[in-house]
C-alpha atoms as a PDB file:
ATOM      1  CA  MET A   1    -171.452 -19.257 100.153  1.00  0.00           C
ATOM      2  CA  ASN A   2    -169.438 -16.052 100.381  1.00  0.00           C
ATOM      3  CA  GLU A   3    -169.056 -16.574 104.134  1.00  0.00           C
ATOM      4  CA  HIS A   4    -167.640 -20.066 103.598  1.00  0.00           C
ATOM      5  CA  LEU A   5    -165.160 -18.743 101.057  1.00  0.00           C
ATOM      6  CA  GLY A   6    -163.943 -16.204 103.607  1.00  0.00           C
ATOM      7  CA  LEU A   7    -163.378 -18.949 106.173  1.00  0.00           C
ATOM      8  CA  ILE A   8    -161.531 -21.129 103.662  1.00  0.00           C
ATOM      9  CA  LEU A   9    -159.311 -18.204 102.695  1.00  0.00           C
ATOM     10  CA  ALA A  10    -158.656 -17.513 106.392  1.00  0.00           C
ATOM     11  CA  LEU A  11    -157.674 -21.172 106.862  1.00  0.00           C
ATOM     12  CA  LEU A  12    -155.267 -20.964 103.915  1.00  0.00           C
ATOM     13  CA  ALA A  13    -153.849 -17.680 105.188  1.00  0.00           C
ATOM     14  CA  GLY A  14    -153.270 -19.298 108.578  1.00  0.00           C
ATOM     15  CA  ALA A  15    -151.450 -22.175 106.908  1.00  0.00           C
ATOM     16  CA  LEU A  16    -149.284 -19.660 105.045  1.00  0.00           C
ATOM     17  CA  LEU A  17    -148.553 -17.782 108.281  1.00  0.00           C
ATOM     18  CA  GLY A  18    -147.648 -21.078 109.935  1.00  0.00           C
ATOM     19  CA  ALA A  19    -145.361 -21.994 107.055  1.00  0.00           C
ATOM     20  CA  ILE A  20    -143.616 -18.637 107.387  1.00  0.00           C
ATOM     21  CA  PHE A  21    -143.376 -18.941 111.180  1.00  0.00           C
ATOM     22  CA  PHE A  22    -142.092 -22.517 111.338  1.00  0.00           C
ATOM     23  CA  GLY A  23    -140.021 -22.196 108.179  1.00  0.00           C
ATOM     24  CA  GLY A  24    -138.383 -19.173 109.764  1.00  0.00           C
ATOM     25  CA  LEU A  25    -137.728 -21.178 112.912  1.00  0.00           C
ATOM     26  CA  TRP A  26    -136.108 -23.959 110.891  1.00  0.00           C
ATOM     27  CA  TRP A  27    -133.991 -21.427 108.982  1.00  0.00           C
ATOM     28  CA  THR A  28    -132.957 -19.773 112.260  1.00  0.00           C
ATOM     29  CA  ILE A  29    -131.858 -23.076 113.772  1.00  0.00           C
ATOM     30  CA  GLN A  30    -129.756 -23.833 110.692  1.00  0.00           C
ATOM     31  CA  ARG A  31    -128.000 -20.455 110.966  1.00  0.00           C
ATOM     32  CA  ALA A  32    -127.741 -20.184 114.747  1.00  0.00           C
ATOM     33  CA  VAL A  33    -125.960 -23.472 115.401  1.00  0.00           C
ATOM     34  CA  SER A  34    -122.906 -22.257 113.480  1.00  0.00           C
ATOM     35  CA  SER A  35    -123.058 -18.652 114.645  1.00  0.00           C
ATOM     36  CA  ASP A  36    -120.937 -16.855 117.205  1.00  0.00           C
ATOM     37  CA  TRP A  37    -124.118 -15.315 118.674  1.00  0.00           C
ATOM     38  CA  PRO A  38    -126.870 -17.937 118.609  1.00  0.00           C
ATOM     39  CA  ALA A  39    -128.907 -16.179 121.300  1.00  0.00           C
ATOM     40  CA  ALA A  40    -129.161 -13.053 119.152  1.00  0.00           C
ATOM     41  CA  TRP A  41    -130.331 -15.150 116.191  1.00  0.00           C
ATOM     42  CA  PHE A  42    -133.029 -16.827 118.258  1.00  0.00           C
ATOM     43  CA  LEU A  43    -134.204 -13.616 119.933  1.00  0.00           C
ATOM     44  CA  CYS A  44    -134.411 -11.583 116.730  1.00  0.00           C
ATOM     45  CA  SER A  45    -136.057 -14.452 114.890  1.00  0.00           C
ATOM     46  CA  LEU A  46    -138.636 -14.895 117.630  1.00  0.00           C
ATOM     47  CA  LEU A  47    -139.524 -11.214 117.605  1.00  0.00           C
ATOM     48  CA  VAL A  48    -139.833 -11.019 113.808  1.00  0.00           C
ATOM     49  CA  ARG A  49    -141.743 -14.308 113.431  1.00  0.00           C
ATOM     50  CA  THR A  50    -144.153 -13.408 116.245  1.00  0.00           C
ATOM     51  CA  ALA A  51    -144.753  -9.920 114.867  1.00  0.00           C
ATOM     52  CA  VAL A  52    -145.474 -11.304 111.388  1.00  0.00           C
ATOM     53  CA  ALA A  53    -147.829 -13.979 112.754  1.00  0.00           C
ATOM     54  CA  LEU A  54    -149.750 -11.568 115.005  1.00  0.00           C
ATOM     55  CA  ALA A  55    -150.045  -8.945 112.277  1.00  0.00           C
ATOM     56  CA  GLY A  56    -151.260 -11.646 109.905  1.00  0.00           C
ATOM     57  CA  PHE A  57    -153.873 -12.876 112.382  1.00  0.00           C
ATOM     58  CA  TYR A  58    -155.061  -9.312 112.931  1.00  0.00           C
ATOM     59  CA  PHE A  59    -155.260  -8.575 109.196  1.00  0.00           C
ATOM     60  CA  VAL A  60    -156.989 -11.842 108.291  1.00  0.00           C
ATOM     61  CA  SER A  61    -159.568 -11.841 111.095  1.00  0.00           C
ATOM     62  CA  ARG A  62    -160.747  -8.236 110.634  1.00  0.00           C
ATOM     63  CA  GLY A  63    -162.614  -8.519 113.917  1.00  0.00           C
ATOM     64  CA  ASP A  64    -164.451 -11.745 113.057  1.00  0.00           C
ATOM     65  CA  TRP A  65    -163.798 -14.476 115.599  1.00  0.00           C
ATOM     66  CA  ARG A  66    -164.684 -17.213 113.093  1.00  0.00           C
ATOM     67  CA  LYS A  67    -162.007 -16.041 110.671  1.00  0.00           C
ATOM     68  CA  LEU A  68    -159.551 -15.783 113.534  1.00  0.00           C
ATOM     69  CA  LEU A  69    -160.360 -19.347 114.572  1.00  0.00           C
ATOM     70  CA  ALA A  70    -160.017 -20.612 110.978  1.00  0.00           C
ATOM     71  CA  CYS A  71    -156.685 -18.804 110.668  1.00  0.00           C
ATOM     72  CA  LEU A  72    -155.481 -20.353 113.917  1.00  0.00           C
ATOM     73  CA  LEU A  73    -156.545 -23.795 112.705  1.00  0.00           C
ATOM     74  CA  GLY A  74    -154.532 -23.312 109.512  1.00  0.00           C
ATOM     75  CA  PHE A  75    -151.560 -22.200 111.613  1.00  0.00           C
ATOM     76  CA  LEU A  76    -151.805 -25.338 113.757  1.00  0.00           C
ATOM     77  CA  LEU A  77    -152.089 -27.554 110.680  1.00  0.00           C
ATOM     78  CA  ALA A  78    -148.892 -25.972 109.363  1.00  0.00           C
ATOM     79  CA  ARG A  79    -147.229 -26.750 112.702  1.00  0.00           C
ATOM     80  CA  ILE A  80    -148.236 -30.414 112.445  1.00  0.00           C
ATOM     81  CA  PHE A  81    -146.935 -30.576 108.882  1.00  0.00           C
ATOM     82  CA  ALA A  82    -143.669 -28.858 109.855  1.00  0.00           C
ATOM     83  CA  ALA A  83    -143.140 -31.241 112.766  1.00  0.00           C
ATOM     84  CA  ARG A  84    -143.580 -34.257 110.492  1.00  0.00           C
ATOM     85  CA  PHE A  85    -141.553 -32.770 107.649  1.00  0.00           C
ATOM     86  CA  THR A  86    -138.556 -31.870 109.834  1.00  0.00           C
ATOM     87  CA  ARG A  87    -138.463 -35.064 111.868  1.00  0.00           C
ATOM     88  CA  ALA A  88    -134.999 -36.619 112.140  1.00  0.00           C
ATOM     89  CA  PRO A  89    -134.416 -39.619 109.831  1.00  0.00           C
ATOM     90  CA  ALA A  90    -134.150 -42.050 112.769  1.00  0.00           C
ATOM     91  CA  GLU A  91    -137.579 -40.965 113.976  1.00  0.00           C
ATOM     92  CA  LYS A  92    -139.295 -41.391 110.592  1.00  0.00           C
ATOM     93  CA  GLY A  93    -139.352 -45.178 110.809  1.00  0.00           C
ATOM     94  CA  ASN A  94    -141.489 -47.257 113.098  1.00  0.00           C
ATOM     95  CA  ARG A  95    -141.631 -46.013 116.608  1.00  0.00           C
ATOM     96  CA  ALA A  96    -141.164 -48.342 119.515  1.00  0.00           C
ATOM     97  CA  PRO A  97    -144.410 -48.835 121.390  1.00  0.00           C
ATOM     98  CA  SER A  98    -144.626 -46.744 124.490  1.00  0.00           C
ATOM     99  CA  GLY A  99    -145.281 -48.537 127.685  1.00  0.00           C
ATOM    100  CA  GLY A 100    -143.582 -50.286 130.492  1.00  0.00           C
ATOM    101  CA  GLY A 101    -140.627 -52.320 129.529  1.00  0.00           C
ATOM    102  CA  PRO A 102    -137.141 -53.185 130.702  1.00  0.00           C
END
């Protein structure tokens, strides 16, 4: 039971890391589009977000590949949620079916 709790906590920690990573990306995009130096915003943001995510993965896993995998799964779930949450209003409605057409 204790082992399962550790994996669940690793999954939640991964989701939190993903929320920080993708929330930081969204925040950076909002600031960079009106900035005089958008490249600097994106570069600094990438370095900080990546460092936080990698440090979080290292801290959460503590050398256990199962915790690392659970953390990564939580991170990917946060990415899916962020992609759906930040979708443009025109894309939120019904999508046209993909396929051959004129």
